[in-house]
Amino acid sequence: MAKFKIAQAPTFKGPVMIPIVGQAPVKVEFTFKYRDRVDLATLFDEWNQRRKEGFERLGDNPSLSDVVTVDTEQQAQQIKDLVVGWEFGDKFDEESIKALVKSCQGTTEAVVAAYEDAYAKARSGN
């Protein structure tokens, strides 16, 4: 009989393929926060609500730069909500998170997908 504890570790690691303009994506290891099912659902609800409120504030005819600003803020927050560290040479802090989101388009989507993939693998038994 396998021995394991029901309580999950507070963090786990996983690879994320970071998109780089003009190059192949680069695999970077991230350290993620563990969240149980209820916490994860609550977090996703908060993201949806924040996104909705952000775009409502822009009104009917937002400029592209306004949309990108709201989206960038949302994406930086998503990374802060999921990640506690990374393998980059840059320090894991607010400034570096914003720089990553601004310079590597698609990174947040890749981070969220890697996070969700780790949970999907756990559900399916790896």
C-alpha atoms as a PDB file:
ATOM      1  CA  MET A   1       0.000   0.000   0.000  1.00  0.00           C
ATOM      2  CA  ALA A   2       1.341   3.388  -0.999  1.00  0.00           C
ATOM      3  CA  LYS A   3       1.949   5.844   1.812  1.00  0.00           C
ATOM      4  CA  PHE A   4       1.144   9.461   1.260  1.00  0.00           C
ATOM      5  CA  LYS A   5      -0.404  12.339   3.126  1.00  0.00           C
ATOM      6  CA  ILE A   6      -3.732  13.808   2.100  1.00  0.00           C
ATOM      7  CA  ALA A   7      -2.486  17.338   2.720  1.00  0.00           C
ATOM      8  CA  GLN A   8      -0.728  18.704  -0.351  1.00  0.00           C
ATOM      9  CA  ALA A   9       2.608  20.498  -0.314  1.00  0.00           C
ATOM     10  CA  PRO A  10       2.183  24.304  -0.259  1.00  0.00           C
ATOM     11  CA  THR A  11       4.125  24.649  -3.530  1.00  0.00           C
ATOM     12  CA  PHE A  12       4.983  22.563  -6.566  1.00  0.00           C
ATOM     13  CA  LYS A  13       7.249  23.016  -9.574  1.00  0.00           C
ATOM     14  CA  GLY A  14       6.426  22.811 -13.234  1.00  0.00           C
ATOM     15  CA  PRO A  15       7.881  23.760 -16.595  1.00  0.00           C
ATOM     16  CA  VAL A  16       6.434  26.652 -18.586  1.00  0.00           C
ATOM     17  CA  MET A  17       7.214  27.243 -22.244  1.00  0.00           C
ATOM     18  CA  ILE A  18       7.858  31.007 -22.411  1.00  0.00           C
ATOM     19  CA  PRO A  19       7.184  32.528 -25.850  1.00  0.00           C
ATOM     20  CA  ILE A  20      10.054  34.609 -27.232  1.00  0.00           C
ATOM     21  CA  VAL A  21       9.561  36.841 -30.270  1.00  0.00           C
ATOM     22  CA  GLY A  22      11.504  35.504 -33.248  1.00  0.00           C
ATOM     23  CA  GLN A  23      12.713  32.418 -31.375  1.00  0.00           C
ATOM     24  CA  ALA A  24      11.456  29.083 -30.186  1.00  0.00           C
ATOM     25  CA  PRO A  25       9.783  29.119 -26.773  1.00  0.00           C
ATOM     26  CA  VAL A  26      12.114  28.606 -23.814  1.00  0.00           C
ATOM     27  CA  LYS A  27      11.350  26.120 -21.040  1.00  0.00           C
ATOM     28  CA  VAL A  28      11.533  27.789 -17.613  1.00  0.00           C
ATOM     29  CA  GLU A  29      10.759  26.090 -14.323  1.00  0.00           C
ATOM     30  CA  PHE A  30       8.224  27.904 -12.142  1.00  0.00           C
ATOM     31  CA  THR A  31       7.333  27.297  -8.518  1.00  0.00           C
ATOM     32  CA  PHE A  32       3.580  27.466  -8.084  1.00  0.00           C
ATOM     33  CA  LYS A  33       1.299  27.928  -5.089  1.00  0.00           C
ATOM     34  CA  TYR A  34      -0.910  24.945  -4.375  1.00  0.00           C
ATOM     35  CA  ARG A  35      -4.629  25.706  -4.092  1.00  0.00           C
ATOM     36  CA  ASP A  36      -7.398  23.301  -3.242  1.00  0.00           C
ATOM     37  CA  ARG A  37     -10.433  22.988  -5.519  1.00  0.00           C
ATOM     38  CA  VAL A  38     -12.527  25.580  -3.701  1.00  0.00           C
ATOM     39  CA  ASP A  39      -9.687  28.124  -3.519  1.00  0.00           C
ATOM     40  CA  LEU A  40      -8.904  27.588  -7.191  1.00  0.00           C
ATOM     41  CA  ALA A  41     -12.520  28.075  -8.262  1.00  0.00           C
ATOM     42  CA  THR A  42     -12.744  31.214  -6.125  1.00  0.00           C
ATOM     43  CA  LEU A  43      -9.564  32.553  -7.701  1.00  0.00           C
ATOM     44  CA  PHE A  44     -10.859  31.961 -11.237  1.00  0.00           C
ATOM     45  CA  ASP A  45     -14.131  33.698 -10.300  1.00  0.00           C
ATOM     46  CA  GLU A  46     -12.120  36.684  -9.010  1.00  0.00           C
ATOM     47  CA  TRP A  47     -10.144  36.851 -12.256  1.00  0.00           C
ATOM     48  CA  ASN A  48     -13.310  36.846 -14.319  1.00  0.00           C
ATOM     49  CA  GLN A  49     -14.858  39.568 -12.159  1.00  0.00           C
ATOM     50  CA  ARG A  50     -11.715  41.743 -12.230  1.00  0.00           C
ATOM     51  CA  ARG A  51     -11.495  41.421 -16.002  1.00  0.00           C
ATOM     52  CA  LYS A  52     -15.163  42.325 -16.410  1.00  0.00           C
ATOM     53  CA  GLU A  53     -14.859  45.345 -14.106  1.00  0.00           C
ATOM     54  CA  GLY A  54     -11.660  46.486 -15.818  1.00  0.00           C
ATOM     55  CA  PHE A  55     -13.285  46.531 -19.233  1.00  0.00           C
ATOM     56  CA  GLU A  56     -16.487  48.109 -17.905  1.00  0.00           C
ATOM     57  CA  ARG A  57     -14.386  51.027 -16.615  1.00  0.00           C
ATOM     58  CA  LEU A  58     -13.121  51.611 -20.145  1.00  0.00           C
ATOM     59  CA  GLY A  59     -16.561  52.374 -21.534  1.00  0.00           C
ATOM     60  CA  ASP A  60     -17.882  51.766 -25.022  1.00  0.00           C
ATOM     61  CA  ASN A  61     -14.961  52.962 -27.151  1.00  0.00           C
ATOM     62  CA  PRO A  62     -11.704  52.149 -25.386  1.00  0.00           C
ATOM     63  CA  SER A  63      -8.405  52.737 -27.126  1.00  0.00           C
ATOM     64  CA  LEU A  64      -6.154  49.779 -27.837  1.00  0.00           C
ATOM     65  CA  SER A  65      -3.617  51.091 -25.339  1.00  0.00           C
ATOM     66  CA  ASP A  66      -6.331  51.238 -22.652  1.00  0.00           C
ATOM     67  CA  VAL A  67      -7.332  47.625 -23.373  1.00  0.00           C
ATOM     68  CA  VAL A  68      -3.698  46.481 -23.279  1.00  0.00           C
ATOM     69  CA  THR A  69      -3.128  48.333 -19.989  1.00  0.00           C
ATOM     70  CA  VAL A  70      -6.108  46.616 -18.328  1.00  0.00           C
ATOM     71  CA  ASP A  71      -5.076  43.262 -19.770  1.00  0.00           C
ATOM     72  CA  THR A  72      -1.455  43.680 -18.642  1.00  0.00           C
ATOM     73  CA  GLU A  73      -2.532  44.526 -15.091  1.00  0.00           C
ATOM     74  CA  GLN A  74      -4.791  41.471 -15.027  1.00  0.00           C
ATOM     75  CA  GLN A  75      -2.076  39.188 -16.362  1.00  0.00           C
ATOM     76  CA  ALA A  76       0.523  40.414 -13.866  1.00  0.00           C
ATOM     77  CA  GLN A  77      -1.964  39.755 -11.070  1.00  0.00           C
ATOM     78  CA  GLN A  78      -2.612  36.247 -12.389  1.00  0.00           C
ATOM     79  CA  ILE A  79       1.085  35.430 -12.227  1.00  0.00           C
ATOM     80  CA  LYS A  80       1.296  36.841  -8.685  1.00  0.00           C
ATOM     81  CA  ASP A  81      -1.714  34.717  -7.716  1.00  0.00           C
ATOM     82  CA  LEU A  82      -0.176  31.472  -9.014  1.00  0.00           C
ATOM     83  CA  VAL A  83       3.606  31.771  -8.804  1.00  0.00           C
ATOM     84  CA  VAL A  84       6.044  32.078  -5.906  1.00  0.00           C
ATOM     85  CA  GLY A  85       9.294  31.757  -7.840  1.00  0.00           C
ATOM     86  CA  TRP A  86      10.929  31.039 -11.161  1.00  0.00           C
ATOM     87  CA  GLU A  87      14.140  29.881 -12.781  1.00  0.00           C
ATOM     88  CA  PHE A  88      14.851  33.212 -14.548  1.00  0.00           C
ATOM     89  CA  GLY A  89      18.016  35.066 -13.582  1.00  0.00           C
ATOM     90  CA  ASP A  90      15.792  38.043 -12.772  1.00  0.00           C
ATOM     91  CA  LYS A  91      14.513  38.368  -9.225  1.00  0.00           C
ATOM     92  CA  PHE A  92      10.900  37.284  -8.688  1.00  0.00           C
ATOM     93  CA  ASP A  93       9.286  40.594  -7.777  1.00  0.00           C
ATOM     94  CA  GLU A  94       6.582  42.994  -8.948  1.00  0.00           C
ATOM     95  CA  GLU A  95       8.857  44.829 -11.375  1.00  0.00           C
ATOM     96  CA  SER A  96      10.102  41.637 -13.043  1.00  0.00           C
ATOM     97  CA  ILE A  97       6.598  40.193 -13.265  1.00  0.00           C
ATOM     98  CA  LYS A  98       5.380  43.330 -15.072  1.00  0.00           C
ATOM     99  CA  ALA A  99       8.421  43.275 -17.371  1.00  0.00           C
ATOM    100  CA  LEU A 100       7.784  39.628 -18.227  1.00  0.00           C
ATOM    101  CA  VAL A 101       4.116  40.235 -19.027  1.00  0.00           C
ATOM    102  CA  LYS A 102       4.918  43.301 -21.142  1.00  0.00           C
ATOM    103  CA  SER A 103       7.814  41.813 -23.087  1.00  0.00           C
ATOM    104  CA  CYS A 104       6.847  38.178 -23.612  1.00  0.00           C
ATOM    105  CA  GLN A 105       3.331  38.167 -25.027  1.00  0.00           C
ATOM    106  CA  GLY A 106       1.496  34.968 -24.256  1.00  0.00           C
ATOM    107  CA  THR A 107       3.477  34.264 -21.099  1.00  0.00           C
ATOM    108  CA  THR A 108       0.540  34.538 -18.735  1.00  0.00           C
ATOM    109  CA  GLU A 109      -1.493  32.167 -20.863  1.00  0.00           C
ATOM    110  CA  ALA A 110       1.455  29.722 -20.826  1.00  0.00           C
ATOM    111  CA  VAL A 111       1.791  30.012 -17.023  1.00  0.00           C
ATOM    112  CA  VAL A 112      -1.931  29.452 -16.436  1.00  0.00           C
ATOM    113  CA  ALA A 113      -1.953  26.517 -18.882  1.00  0.00           C
ATOM    114  CA  ALA A 114       1.041  24.894 -17.137  1.00  0.00           C
ATOM    115  CA  TYR A 115      -0.647  25.381 -13.766  1.00  0.00           C
ATOM    116  CA  GLU A 116      -3.900  23.863 -14.989  1.00  0.00           C
ATOM    117  CA  ASP A 117      -1.965  21.029 -16.665  1.00  0.00           C
ATOM    118  CA  ALA A 118      -0.355  20.093 -13.339  1.00  0.00           C
ATOM    119  CA  TYR A 119      -3.821  19.759 -11.808  1.00  0.00           C
ATOM    120  CA  ALA A 120      -5.134  17.824 -14.814  1.00  0.00           C
ATOM    121  CA  LYS A 121      -2.247  15.345 -14.532  1.00  0.00           C
ATOM    122  CA  ALA A 122      -2.975  14.914 -10.830  1.00  0.00           C
ATOM    123  CA  ARG A 123      -6.638  14.221 -11.592  1.00  0.00           C
ATOM    124  CA  SER A 124      -5.770  11.632 -14.218  1.00  0.00           C
ATOM    125  CA  GLY A 125      -3.143   9.939 -12.057  1.00  0.00           C
ATOM    126  CA  ASN A 126      -0.174  11.342 -14.020  1.00  0.00           C
END
